Amino acid sequence: MIKVFQRWIDRYFSDEEAILLLVLITALLLVIISLGQVLAPFFTALVVAYLLQGSMSWLKQQGLRHLTATLVVFLLFSGVMLLLLFIILPATWQQLMQFIYELPRLAARGQELLLLLPQQYPEFISEEQARAWSRQIIDEVASAGQAAVGYSLSGITVLMAVLIYCVLVPILVFFLLKDSEQMVSWFTGFLPRRRQLLTRIWQEMDVQIANYIRGKALEILIVGAVSYSVFLLLGLNYAALLAVSVGLSVLVPYIGAAVVTIPIALIGYVQWGFGDTFIWLMVAYGIIQALDGNVLVPLLFSEVVNLHPVAIIVAVLVFGGLWGVWGVFFAIPLATLLKAVIQAWPDQEALAAGGSD
């Protein structure tokens, strides 16, 4: 048994770069797990600065100096943040509060419609089933009310966290953009000169992760805007809130679209009943999801490494369970990084066999 273990160690960990890569990955995981909440603003700024590097490089290729390009990109980023904070988020928050306030009325309307279903479709739904669903609605509304009260009591803490992000993240983004070259040089100075494995993995992942995150942000914007336009055209209540939910649902492949369908169908059914407008709503929503999956995603993510659907779902569950919303957002890039590390990991027996050929 000891010999087998020793042979496995020699096969996969005899290369010093493999040991270095393992140490770096382990150290990064320990920092994220132990100090993730404390360093969350820094990690957020780091991700944002990394995404803005593409715009920085393009502007410098057009002849702008580094400081000028930094100021232009930072001003554009600040403009987007102000638009998000003062226009999009307030409108969404207002509709969310309105939805919570009207939830009992919506629940009562939903109960009335449910109790009519046994009369309209007696062959599919019995009166006992309708009454059971009605009681479940009452229980869910009560739970939602308690959750809303608990959230309002912690509102000061949430407000302080938002203020910290609004102040610290832009400052960190500016200095990360401005001094990125010096920081990268400082960090690489601690690495050995021979780092072909690290360079290969980084070059493989740099373009793919950047393209994925930029594409996902663009997908959220497009899907959310189109959904909002359709909901507004049909006159659906809480159009902004539901459109934001549809946009964010693309973060969780396969699962998000199915989950967000439920509130859209419920609100549409309570508002119109099972009529022509409700059918048009569901058809339009189905078309949006079909165009997103079959047209938009292939266009935006053509250069991203394809992963098996099972691997994507497992990555979402694992990283989402570890790091919440951020884990869900970065599940596919992290899974792609893991795949690249496994594929690039040095295998001494394979290398020896290749050399002998």
Protein backbone atom coordinates (compact mmCIF):
# COMPACT_ATOMS: atom_id res chain seq x y z
CA MET A 1 0.00 0.00 0.00
CA ILE A 2 2.82 2.39 0.84
CA LYS A 3 4.53 1.63 -2.48
CA VAL A 4 1.33 2.31 -4.39
CA PHE A 5 0.92 5.65 -2.62
CA GLN A 6 4.59 6.50 -3.21
CA ARG A 7 4.24 5.67 -6.91
CA TRP A 8 1.16 7.94 -7.14
CA ILE A 9 3.05 10.78 -5.44
CA ASP A 10 6.00 10.36 -7.78
CA ARG A 11 3.71 10.36 -10.79
CA TYR A 12 1.76 13.53 -10.09
CA PHE A 13 3.79 15.55 -7.55
CA SER A 14 7.43 15.08 -8.55
CA ASP A 15 7.37 18.30 -10.57
CA GLU A 16 8.18 21.40 -8.50
CA GLU A 17 5.69 23.49 -10.50
CA ALA A 18 2.94 21.06 -9.56
CA ILE A 19 3.80 21.52 -5.89
CA LEU A 20 3.84 25.31 -6.32
CA LEU A 21 0.46 25.25 -8.07
CA LEU A 22 -1.01 23.08 -5.33
CA VAL A 23 0.32 25.44 -2.63
CA LEU A 24 -1.09 28.51 -4.41
CA ILE A 25 -4.53 26.94 -4.87
CA THR A 26 -4.62 25.76 -1.26
CA ALA A 27 -3.53 29.15 0.08
CA LEU A 28 -6.14 30.95 -2.04
CA LEU A 29 -8.90 28.62 -0.84
CA LEU A 30 -7.87 29.09 2.79
CA VAL A 31 -7.89 32.88 2.41
CA ILE A 32 -11.32 32.87 0.76
CA ILE A 33 -12.84 30.48 3.32
CA SER A 34 -11.36 32.17 6.40
CA LEU A 35 -11.38 35.83 5.32
CA GLY A 36 -13.95 35.81 2.52
CA GLN A 37 -16.46 38.06 4.26
CA VAL A 38 -13.84 40.50 5.49
CA LEU A 39 -12.13 40.79 2.11
CA ALA A 40 -15.35 40.68 0.06
CA PRO A 41 -15.04 44.36 -1.07
CA PHE A 42 -11.46 43.73 -2.19
CA PHE A 43 -12.40 40.57 -4.11
CA THR A 44 -15.31 42.43 -5.71
CA ALA A 45 -13.02 45.27 -6.79
CA LEU A 46 -10.45 42.77 -8.05
CA VAL A 47 -13.03 41.05 -10.26
CA VAL A 48 -14.33 44.38 -11.58
CA ALA A 49 -10.80 45.64 -12.32
CA TYR A 50 -9.98 42.37 -14.07
CA LEU A 51 -13.06 42.72 -16.29
CA LEU A 52 -12.18 46.32 -17.13
CA GLN A 53 -8.66 45.40 -18.23
CA GLY A 54 -9.92 44.56 -21.71
CA SER A 55 -11.25 48.11 -22.16
CA MET A 56 -8.00 49.49 -20.73
CA SER A 57 -5.93 47.53 -23.25
CA TRP A 58 -8.12 48.65 -26.16
CA LEU A 59 -7.86 52.32 -25.20
CA LYS A 60 -4.09 52.09 -24.87
CA GLN A 61 -3.92 50.49 -28.31
CA GLN A 62 -5.74 53.56 -29.62
CA GLY A 63 -2.89 55.74 -28.36
CA LEU A 64 -4.09 56.82 -24.92
CA ARG A 65 -1.61 56.88 -22.07
CA HIS A 66 -2.10 54.50 -19.14
CA LEU A 67 -3.37 57.16 -16.72
CA THR A 68 -5.76 58.65 -19.29
CA ALA A 69 -7.15 55.21 -20.14
CA THR A 70 -7.57 54.51 -16.44
CA LEU A 71 -9.56 57.72 -15.93
CA VAL A 72 -11.80 57.06 -18.94
CA VAL A 73 -12.59 53.48 -17.92
CA PHE A 74 -13.11 54.45 -14.29
CA LEU A 75 -15.51 57.26 -15.24
CA LEU A 76 -17.52 54.87 -17.43
CA PHE A 77 -17.62 52.35 -14.59
CA SER A 78 -18.75 55.06 -12.16
CA GLY A 79 -21.51 56.12 -14.56
CA VAL A 80 -22.84 52.58 -14.79
CA MET A 81 -22.73 52.24 -11.00
CA LEU A 82 -24.65 55.51 -10.53
CA LEU A 83 -27.25 54.38 -13.07
CA LEU A 84 -27.63 51.12 -11.19
CA LEU A 85 -27.82 52.72 -7.75
CA PHE A 86 -30.13 55.64 -8.48
CA ILE A 87 -32.42 54.37 -11.26
CA ILE A 88 -32.59 50.60 -11.59
CA LEU A 89 -32.26 49.52 -7.95
CA PRO A 90 -34.75 52.08 -6.53
CA ALA A 91 -37.39 51.10 -9.10
CA THR A 92 -36.88 47.41 -8.38
CA TRP A 93 -36.86 47.97 -4.62
CA GLN A 94 -40.09 50.00 -4.81
CA GLN A 95 -41.84 47.21 -6.70
CA LEU A 96 -40.50 44.64 -4.24
CA MET A 97 -41.92 46.56 -1.29
CA GLN A 98 -45.21 47.01 -3.14
CA PHE A 99 -45.31 43.29 -3.86
CA ILE A 100 -44.73 42.43 -0.19
CA TYR A 101 -47.41 44.93 0.87
CA GLU A 102 -49.96 43.48 -1.57
CA LEU A 103 -49.02 39.86 -0.95
CA PRO A 104 -52.04 39.12 1.31
CA ARG A 105 -54.41 40.53 -1.32
CA LEU A 106 -52.72 38.54 -4.05
CA ALA A 107 -52.93 35.42 -1.89
CA ALA A 108 -56.66 35.98 -1.33
CA ARG A 109 -57.18 36.44 -5.06
CA GLY A 110 -55.17 33.29 -5.71
CA GLN A 111 -57.35 31.35 -3.25
CA GLU A 112 -60.50 32.46 -5.06
CA LEU A 113 -59.13 31.31 -8.39
CA LEU A 114 -57.98 28.02 -6.92
CA LEU A 115 -61.40 27.27 -5.49
CA LEU A 116 -62.91 27.81 -8.96
CA LEU A 117 -60.61 25.24 -10.60
CA PRO A 118 -62.59 22.16 -9.42
CA GLN A 119 -65.68 23.61 -11.09
CA GLN A 120 -63.88 24.35 -14.34
CA TYR A 121 -61.70 21.23 -14.51
CA PRO A 122 -63.36 18.58 -12.29
CA GLU A 123 -61.64 15.74 -14.13
CA PHE A 124 -58.17 17.05 -13.19
CA ILE A 125 -58.54 18.87 -9.84
CA SER A 126 -60.69 17.86 -6.90
CA GLU A 127 -62.13 20.23 -4.30
CA GLU A 128 -59.92 18.68 -1.59
CA GLN A 129 -56.79 19.39 -3.64
CA ALA A 130 -57.84 23.01 -4.19
CA ARG A 131 -58.46 23.52 -0.48
CA ALA A 132 -55.09 21.93 0.37
CA TRP A 133 -53.33 24.29 -2.05
CA SER A 134 -55.27 27.20 -0.52
CA ARG A 135 -54.01 26.33 2.96
CA GLN A 136 -50.45 26.09 1.62
CA ILE A 137 -50.79 29.58 0.17
CA ILE A 138 -51.80 30.94 3.60
CA ASP A 139 -48.81 29.26 5.24
CA GLU A 140 -46.36 30.56 2.62
CA VAL A 141 -47.69 34.10 2.90
CA ALA A 142 -47.30 33.99 6.68
CA SER A 143 -43.71 32.76 6.33
CA ALA A 144 -42.94 35.47 3.79
CA GLY A 145 -44.34 38.11 6.14
CA GLN A 146 -42.14 36.91 8.98
CA ALA A 147 -39.11 36.92 6.71
CA ALA A 148 -39.91 40.47 5.56
CA VAL A 149 -40.16 41.66 9.18
CA GLY A 150 -36.83 40.02 10.03
CA TYR A 151 -35.20 41.59 7.00
CA SER A 152 -36.52 45.04 7.90
CA LEU A 153 -35.07 44.71 11.41
CA SER A 154 -31.65 44.03 9.91
CA GLY A 155 -32.02 46.88 7.42
CA ILE A 156 -29.44 49.09 9.17
CA THR A 157 -26.79 46.37 8.83
CA VAL A 158 -27.62 45.89 5.16
CA LEU A 159 -27.50 49.66 4.58
CA MET A 160 -24.05 49.89 6.20
CA ALA A 161 -22.79 47.04 4.02
CA VAL A 162 -24.10 48.76 0.89
CA LEU A 163 -22.43 52.02 1.90
CA ILE A 164 -19.13 50.24 2.50
CA TYR A 165 -19.29 48.67 -0.96
CA CYS A 166 -20.27 51.97 -2.59
CA VAL A 167 -17.26 53.75 -1.06
CA LEU A 168 -14.53 51.10 -0.93
CA VAL A 169 -15.10 49.24 -4.19
CA PRO A 170 -14.73 52.28 -6.53
CA ILE A 171 -11.59 53.40 -4.68
CA LEU A 172 -10.06 49.93 -4.89
CA VAL A 173 -11.04 49.59 -8.56
CA PHE A 174 -9.30 52.86 -9.43
CA PHE A 175 -6.00 51.91 -7.78
CA LEU A 176 -6.12 48.35 -9.11
CA LEU A 177 -6.51 49.74 -12.63
CA LYS A 178 -3.90 52.45 -12.15
CA ASP A 179 -1.20 50.28 -10.54
CA SER A 180 -2.03 46.90 -12.07
CA GLU A 181 1.35 46.48 -13.77
CA GLN A 182 3.31 47.21 -10.59
CA MET A 183 1.12 44.83 -8.56
CA VAL A 184 1.48 42.01 -11.07
CA SER A 185 5.26 42.53 -11.18
CA TRP A 186 5.41 42.50 -7.37
CA PHE A 187 3.41 39.28 -7.14
CA THR A 188 5.31 37.43 -9.88
CA GLY A 189 8.56 38.40 -8.16
CA PHE A 190 7.75 35.78 -5.49
CA LEU A 191 7.32 33.03 -8.10
CA PRO A 192 10.18 30.97 -9.50
CA ARG A 193 11.52 31.90 -12.91
CA ARG A 194 10.60 28.49 -14.29
CA ARG A 195 6.80 28.54 -14.33
CA GLN A 196 5.72 27.10 -17.67
CA LEU A 197 2.81 25.21 -16.06
CA LEU A 198 1.43 28.32 -14.34
CA THR A 199 1.85 30.38 -17.51
CA ARG A 200 0.08 27.77 -19.64
CA ILE A 201 -2.88 27.52 -17.27
CA TRP A 202 -3.14 31.30 -16.94
CA GLN A 203 -3.00 31.89 -20.70
CA GLU A 204 -5.66 29.25 -21.24
CA MET A 205 -7.99 30.62 -18.58
CA ASP A 206 -7.45 34.37 -18.99
CA VAL A 207 -9.42 34.78 -22.20
CA GLN A 208 -12.04 32.19 -21.30
CA ILE A 209 -12.90 33.52 -17.83
CA ALA A 210 -12.94 37.14 -19.00
CA ASN A 211 -15.14 36.28 -21.98
CA TYR A 212 -17.48 34.26 -19.81
CA ILE A 213 -17.98 36.94 -17.15
CA ARG A 214 -18.34 39.76 -19.68
CA GLY A 215 -20.71 37.63 -21.74
CA LYS A 216 -22.76 36.68 -18.69
CA ALA A 217 -23.08 40.34 -17.66
CA LEU A 218 -24.21 41.23 -21.19
CA GLU A 219 -26.65 38.30 -21.21
CA ILE A 220 -28.19 39.49 -17.92
CA LEU A 221 -28.60 42.99 -19.36
CA ILE A 222 -30.15 41.84 -22.66
CA VAL A 223 -32.49 39.22 -21.19
CA GLY A 224 -33.59 41.58 -18.40
CA ALA A 225 -34.23 44.49 -20.80
CA VAL A 226 -36.18 42.37 -23.28
CA SER A 227 -38.22 40.77 -20.49
CA TYR A 228 -39.02 44.19 -19.02
CA SER A 229 -40.18 45.47 -22.43
CA VAL A 230 -42.42 42.43 -22.96
CA PHE A 231 -43.89 42.54 -19.44
CA LEU A 232 -44.52 46.28 -19.76
CA LEU A 233 -46.17 45.83 -23.15
CA LEU A 234 -48.51 43.17 -21.75
CA GLY A 235 -49.28 45.28 -18.67
CA LEU A 236 -47.96 42.72 -16.17
CA ASN A 237 -47.75 43.91 -12.59
CA TYR A 238 -44.25 44.19 -11.04
CA ALA A 239 -42.66 44.25 -14.50
CA ALA A 240 -39.31 45.65 -13.28
CA LEU A 241 -39.04 43.21 -10.37
CA LEU A 242 -39.84 40.19 -12.54
CA ALA A 243 -37.52 41.38 -15.32
CA VAL A 244 -34.62 41.66 -12.88
CA SER A 245 -35.44 38.14 -11.65
CA VAL A 246 -35.43 36.81 -15.22
CA GLY A 247 -32.12 38.53 -15.95
CA LEU A 248 -30.46 37.17 -12.82
CA SER A 249 -31.88 33.69 -13.47
CA VAL A 250 -29.33 33.16 -16.27
CA LEU A 251 -26.65 32.92 -13.56
CA VAL A 252 -27.91 29.41 -12.77
CA PRO A 253 -28.12 27.43 -16.02
CA TYR A 254 -31.16 25.16 -16.46
CA ILE A 255 -32.38 25.70 -12.90
CA GLY A 256 -32.79 29.49 -12.90
CA ALA A 257 -35.18 29.62 -15.86
CA ALA A 258 -37.40 26.94 -14.34
CA VAL A 259 -37.50 28.59 -10.91
CA VAL A 260 -38.31 32.11 -12.14
CA THR A 261 -41.16 30.75 -14.27
CA ILE A 262 -43.19 30.10 -11.10
CA PRO A 263 -43.59 33.73 -9.89
CA ILE A 264 -44.24 34.96 -13.44
CA ALA A 265 -46.99 32.38 -13.95
CA LEU A 266 -48.50 33.01 -10.50
CA ILE A 267 -48.62 36.80 -10.85
CA GLY A 268 -49.98 36.54 -14.38
CA TYR A 269 -52.62 34.02 -13.30
CA VAL A 270 -53.70 36.11 -10.29
CA GLN A 271 -53.86 39.25 -12.45
CA TRP A 272 -55.71 37.87 -15.49
CA GLY A 273 -56.79 34.34 -14.71
CA PHE A 274 -56.40 31.59 -17.28
CA GLY A 275 -57.19 33.75 -20.29
CA ASP A 276 -55.72 34.95 -23.56
CA THR A 277 -53.38 37.50 -21.95
CA PHE A 278 -51.99 34.86 -19.59
CA ILE A 279 -51.33 32.53 -22.51
CA TRP A 280 -49.60 35.32 -24.44
CA LEU A 281 -47.45 36.03 -21.37
CA MET A 282 -46.27 32.44 -21.08
CA VAL A 283 -45.69 32.15 -24.84
CA ALA A 284 -43.63 35.36 -24.86
CA TYR A 285 -41.62 34.21 -21.85
CA GLY A 286 -41.00 30.83 -23.54
CA ILE A 287 -39.77 32.61 -26.68
CA ILE A 288 -37.38 34.75 -24.60
CA GLN A 289 -35.92 31.65 -22.94
CA ALA A 290 -35.64 29.83 -26.30
CA LEU A 291 -33.86 32.74 -27.97
CA ASP A 292 -31.55 33.10 -24.97
CA GLY A 293 -30.56 29.44 -24.97
CA ASN A 294 -30.33 28.88 -28.73
CA VAL A 295 -29.20 32.24 -30.12
CA LEU A 296 -27.77 34.57 -27.48
CA VAL A 297 -25.73 32.04 -25.47
CA PRO A 298 -23.96 30.53 -28.54
CA LEU A 299 -23.08 34.04 -29.76
CA LEU A 300 -21.73 35.27 -26.42
CA PHE A 301 -19.95 32.13 -25.24
CA SER A 302 -18.53 30.63 -28.43
CA GLU A 303 -14.97 30.81 -27.05
CA VAL A 304 -15.75 29.39 -23.62
CA VAL A 305 -14.84 25.79 -22.86
CA ASN A 306 -17.94 23.62 -22.99
CA LEU A 307 -18.74 21.68 -19.85
CA HIS A 308 -21.13 18.77 -19.46
CA PRO A 309 -24.53 19.84 -18.04
CA VAL A 310 -23.99 17.56 -15.04
CA ALA A 311 -20.65 19.27 -14.32
CA ILE A 312 -22.32 22.70 -14.56
CA ILE A 313 -25.11 21.76 -12.14
CA VAL A 314 -22.67 20.19 -9.67
CA ALA A 315 -20.42 23.27 -9.86
CA VAL A 316 -23.39 25.56 -9.18
CA LEU A 317 -24.45 23.46 -6.18
CA VAL A 318 -20.95 23.18 -4.70
CA PHE A 319 -19.68 26.73 -5.19
CA GLY A 320 -23.10 28.24 -4.48
CA GLY A 321 -23.21 26.34 -1.20
CA LEU A 322 -19.73 27.56 -0.30
CA TRP A 323 -19.93 31.23 -1.32
CA GLY A 324 -23.58 32.04 -1.98
CA VAL A 325 -24.42 34.38 -4.85
CA TRP A 326 -20.76 34.93 -5.79
CA GLY A 327 -20.24 31.17 -5.88
CA VAL A 328 -23.20 30.77 -8.24
CA PHE A 329 -21.92 33.58 -10.48
CA PHE A 330 -18.40 32.15 -10.72
CA ALA A 331 -19.39 28.47 -10.70
CA ILE A 332 -18.72 27.89 -14.39
CA PRO A 333 -15.41 29.85 -14.51
CA LEU A 334 -14.22 27.97 -11.42
CA ALA A 335 -15.25 24.64 -12.94
CA THR A 336 -13.47 25.59 -16.16
CA LEU A 337 -10.37 26.54 -14.16
CA LEU A 338 -10.48 23.19 -12.36
CA LYS A 339 -10.78 21.39 -15.68
CA ALA A 340 -7.80 23.30 -17.09
CA VAL A 341 -5.69 22.51 -14.01
CA ILE A 342 -6.51 18.81 -14.25
CA GLN A 343 -5.72 18.69 -17.97
CA ALA A 344 -2.45 20.63 -17.58
CA TRP A 345 -1.27 18.82 -14.45
CA PRO A 346 2.06 17.13 -15.18
CA ASP A 347 1.91 13.34 -15.42
CA GLN A 348 5.43 11.93 -15.27
CA GLU A 349 4.49 8.55 -16.76
CA ALA A 350 2.66 10.21 -19.66
CA LEU A 351 5.58 12.58 -20.20
CA ALA A 352 8.05 9.67 -20.16
CA ALA A 353 5.93 7.71 -22.60
CA GLY A 354 5.70 10.73 -24.90
CA GLY A 355 9.44 11.28 -24.70
CA SER A 356 10.18 7.66 -25.55
CA ASP A 357 7.99 7.92 -28.65
